[in-house]
Amino acid sequence: MLTISQVIEEIGVPLSTFYRWRQQRKGPKAIKLPNGVVRIRRSELERWIAALEEAA
């Protein structure tokens, strides 16, 4: 599982953009762990990127 920092570095967007996408439900699905930490599965990030490529 990836941290938010890893995801934004990989896709090249600012943290504020990532959080805005989360609020708008436009970003990759994230998992909130019991300790409150948010993670994104690698497979979910890849699925999300593929969907964006298909839409382009």
N, C-alpha and C. Protein backbone atom coordinates (compact mmCIF):
# COMPACT_ATOMS: atom_id res chain seq x y z
N MET A 1 0.83 -1.17 0.00
CA MET A 1 0.00 0.00 0.00
C MET A 1 0.88 1.24 0.00
N LEU A 2 0.38 2.27 -0.66
CA LEU A 2 1.14 3.50 -0.84
C LEU A 2 0.65 4.60 0.10
N THR A 3 1.56 5.45 0.49
CA THR A 3 1.18 6.63 1.27
C THR A 3 0.69 7.70 0.30
N ILE A 4 0.04 8.70 0.83
CA ILE A 4 -0.40 9.81 -0.01
C ILE A 4 0.81 10.50 -0.63
N SER A 5 1.88 10.65 0.13
CA SER A 5 3.10 11.27 -0.40
C SER A 5 3.64 10.50 -1.60
N GLN A 6 3.63 9.18 -1.52
CA GLN A 6 4.11 8.36 -2.63
C GLN A 6 3.21 8.53 -3.86
N VAL A 7 1.92 8.58 -3.63
CA VAL A 7 0.97 8.72 -4.74
C VAL A 7 1.14 10.07 -5.44
N ILE A 8 1.19 11.16 -4.68
CA ILE A 8 1.29 12.47 -5.33
C ILE A 8 2.63 12.64 -6.04
N GLU A 9 3.66 12.01 -5.50
CA GLU A 9 4.96 12.06 -6.18
C GLU A 9 4.88 11.31 -7.51
N GLU A 10 4.22 10.16 -7.49
CA GLU A 10 4.13 9.34 -8.70
C GLU A 10 3.28 10.00 -9.78
N ILE A 11 2.17 10.62 -9.39
CA ILE A 11 1.30 11.22 -10.40
C ILE A 11 1.61 12.69 -10.66
N GLY A 12 2.46 13.28 -9.82
CA GLY A 12 2.95 14.63 -10.06
C GLY A 12 1.94 15.75 -9.83
N VAL A 13 1.19 15.63 -8.74
CA VAL A 13 0.24 16.70 -8.39
C VAL A 13 0.52 17.18 -6.97
N PRO A 14 0.14 18.42 -6.67
CA PRO A 14 0.30 18.92 -5.30
C PRO A 14 -0.64 18.20 -4.33
N LEU A 15 -0.28 18.21 -3.07
CA LEU A 15 -1.10 17.59 -2.04
C LEU A 15 -2.51 18.18 -2.02
N SER A 16 -2.61 19.49 -2.21
CA SER A 16 -3.93 20.14 -2.21
C SER A 16 -4.83 19.60 -3.32
N THR A 17 -4.25 19.31 -4.47
CA THR A 17 -5.02 18.74 -5.58
C THR A 17 -5.52 17.35 -5.22
N PHE A 18 -4.65 16.55 -4.62
CA PHE A 18 -5.05 15.20 -4.23
C PHE A 18 -6.22 15.25 -3.24
N TYR A 19 -6.13 16.12 -2.25
CA TYR A 19 -7.21 16.22 -1.26
C TYR A 19 -8.50 16.76 -1.89
N ARG A 20 -8.38 17.68 -2.84
CA ARG A 20 -9.57 18.17 -3.54
C ARG A 20 -10.22 17.04 -4.32
N TRP A 21 -9.41 16.23 -5.01
CA TRP A 21 -9.95 15.08 -5.75
C TRP A 21 -10.65 14.11 -4.80
N ARG A 22 -10.08 13.91 -3.61
CA ARG A 22 -10.72 13.02 -2.63
C ARG A 22 -12.08 13.57 -2.21
N GLN A 23 -12.15 14.86 -1.96
CA GLN A 23 -13.42 15.47 -1.57
C GLN A 23 -14.46 15.35 -2.68
N GLN A 24 -14.02 15.45 -3.92
CA GLN A 24 -14.91 15.38 -5.08
C GLN A 24 -15.13 13.94 -5.54
N ARG A 25 -14.48 13.00 -4.87
CA ARG A 25 -14.54 11.58 -5.22
C ARG A 25 -14.05 11.31 -6.65
N LYS A 26 -13.01 12.06 -7.05
CA LYS A 26 -12.42 11.91 -8.38
C LYS A 26 -11.09 11.17 -8.36
N GLY A 27 -10.49 11.04 -7.19
CA GLY A 27 -9.18 10.40 -7.08
C GLY A 27 -9.29 8.90 -6.89
N PRO A 28 -8.15 8.24 -6.76
CA PRO A 28 -8.16 6.80 -6.51
C PRO A 28 -8.77 6.51 -5.14
N LYS A 29 -9.43 5.38 -5.02
CA LYS A 29 -10.04 4.99 -3.75
C LYS A 29 -8.95 4.79 -2.71
N ALA A 30 -9.19 5.33 -1.54
CA ALA A 30 -8.23 5.24 -0.45
C ALA A 30 -8.82 4.41 0.69
N ILE A 31 -7.95 3.89 1.51
CA ILE A 31 -8.34 3.09 2.67
C ILE A 31 -7.87 3.82 3.92
N LYS A 32 -8.76 4.01 4.85
CA LYS A 32 -8.38 4.61 6.13
C LYS A 32 -8.20 3.47 7.13
N LEU A 33 -6.99 3.30 7.60
CA LEU A 33 -6.66 2.23 8.53
C LEU A 33 -7.17 2.57 9.94
N PRO A 34 -7.28 1.56 10.80
CA PRO A 34 -7.78 1.80 12.16
C PRO A 34 -7.02 2.88 12.93
N ASN A 35 -5.74 3.06 12.61
CA ASN A 35 -4.96 4.10 13.31
C ASN A 35 -5.13 5.48 12.68
N GLY A 36 -6.01 5.59 11.67
CA GLY A 36 -6.31 6.87 11.04
C GLY A 36 -5.46 7.20 9.82
N VAL A 37 -4.48 6.37 9.52
CA VAL A 37 -3.59 6.61 8.39
C VAL A 37 -4.31 6.22 7.09
N VAL A 38 -4.14 7.04 6.06
CA VAL A 38 -4.77 6.78 4.76
C VAL A 38 -3.73 6.15 3.84
N ARG A 39 -4.15 5.10 3.16
CA ARG A 39 -3.28 4.40 2.20
C ARG A 39 -4.06 4.12 0.92
N ILE A 40 -3.33 3.98 -0.18
CA ILE A 40 -3.92 3.65 -1.47
C ILE A 40 -3.25 2.39 -1.97
N ARG A 41 -4.06 1.43 -2.35
CA ARG A 41 -3.50 0.19 -2.90
C ARG A 41 -2.87 0.48 -4.26
N ARG A 42 -1.74 -0.13 -4.53
CA ARG A 42 -1.07 0.03 -5.82
C ARG A 42 -2.02 -0.35 -6.96
N SER A 43 -2.76 -1.45 -6.79
CA SER A 43 -3.68 -1.90 -7.83
C SER A 43 -4.78 -0.87 -8.08
N GLU A 44 -5.25 -0.20 -7.05
CA GLU A 44 -6.28 0.83 -7.20
C GLU A 44 -5.72 2.04 -7.93
N LEU A 45 -4.49 2.44 -7.62
CA LEU A 45 -3.87 3.56 -8.31
C LEU A 45 -3.71 3.24 -9.79
N GLU A 46 -3.26 2.04 -10.10
CA GLU A 46 -3.08 1.65 -11.50
C GLU A 46 -4.41 1.59 -12.23
N ARG A 47 -5.48 1.10 -11.56
CA ARG A 47 -6.81 1.03 -12.17
C ARG A 47 -7.31 2.44 -12.47
N TRP A 48 -7.11 3.35 -11.52
CA TRP A 48 -7.55 4.73 -11.66
C TRP A 48 -6.82 5.41 -12.83
N ILE A 49 -5.52 5.21 -12.92
CA ILE A 49 -4.73 5.80 -14.02
C ILE A 49 -5.19 5.24 -15.36
N ALA A 50 -5.44 3.93 -15.42
CA ALA A 50 -5.91 3.31 -16.66
C ALA A 50 -7.26 3.88 -17.09
N ALA A 51 -8.14 4.12 -16.14
CA ALA A 51 -9.45 4.70 -16.45
C ALA A 51 -9.29 6.12 -17.00
N LEU A 52 -8.35 6.88 -16.46
CA LEU A 52 -8.10 8.23 -16.97
C LEU A 52 -7.56 8.18 -18.40
N GLU A 53 -6.69 7.20 -18.66
CA GLU A 53 -6.12 7.06 -20.01
C GLU A 53 -7.20 6.71 -21.01
N GLU A 54 -8.14 5.84 -20.62
CA GLU A 54 -9.22 5.44 -21.52
C GLU A 54 -10.14 6.62 -21.82
N ALA A 55 -10.35 7.48 -20.84
CA ALA A 55 -11.25 8.62 -21.00
C ALA A 55 -10.63 9.73 -21.86
N ALA A 56 -9.30 9.72 -21.96
CA ALA A 56 -8.62 10.80 -22.69
C ALA A 56 -8.72 10.64 -24.20
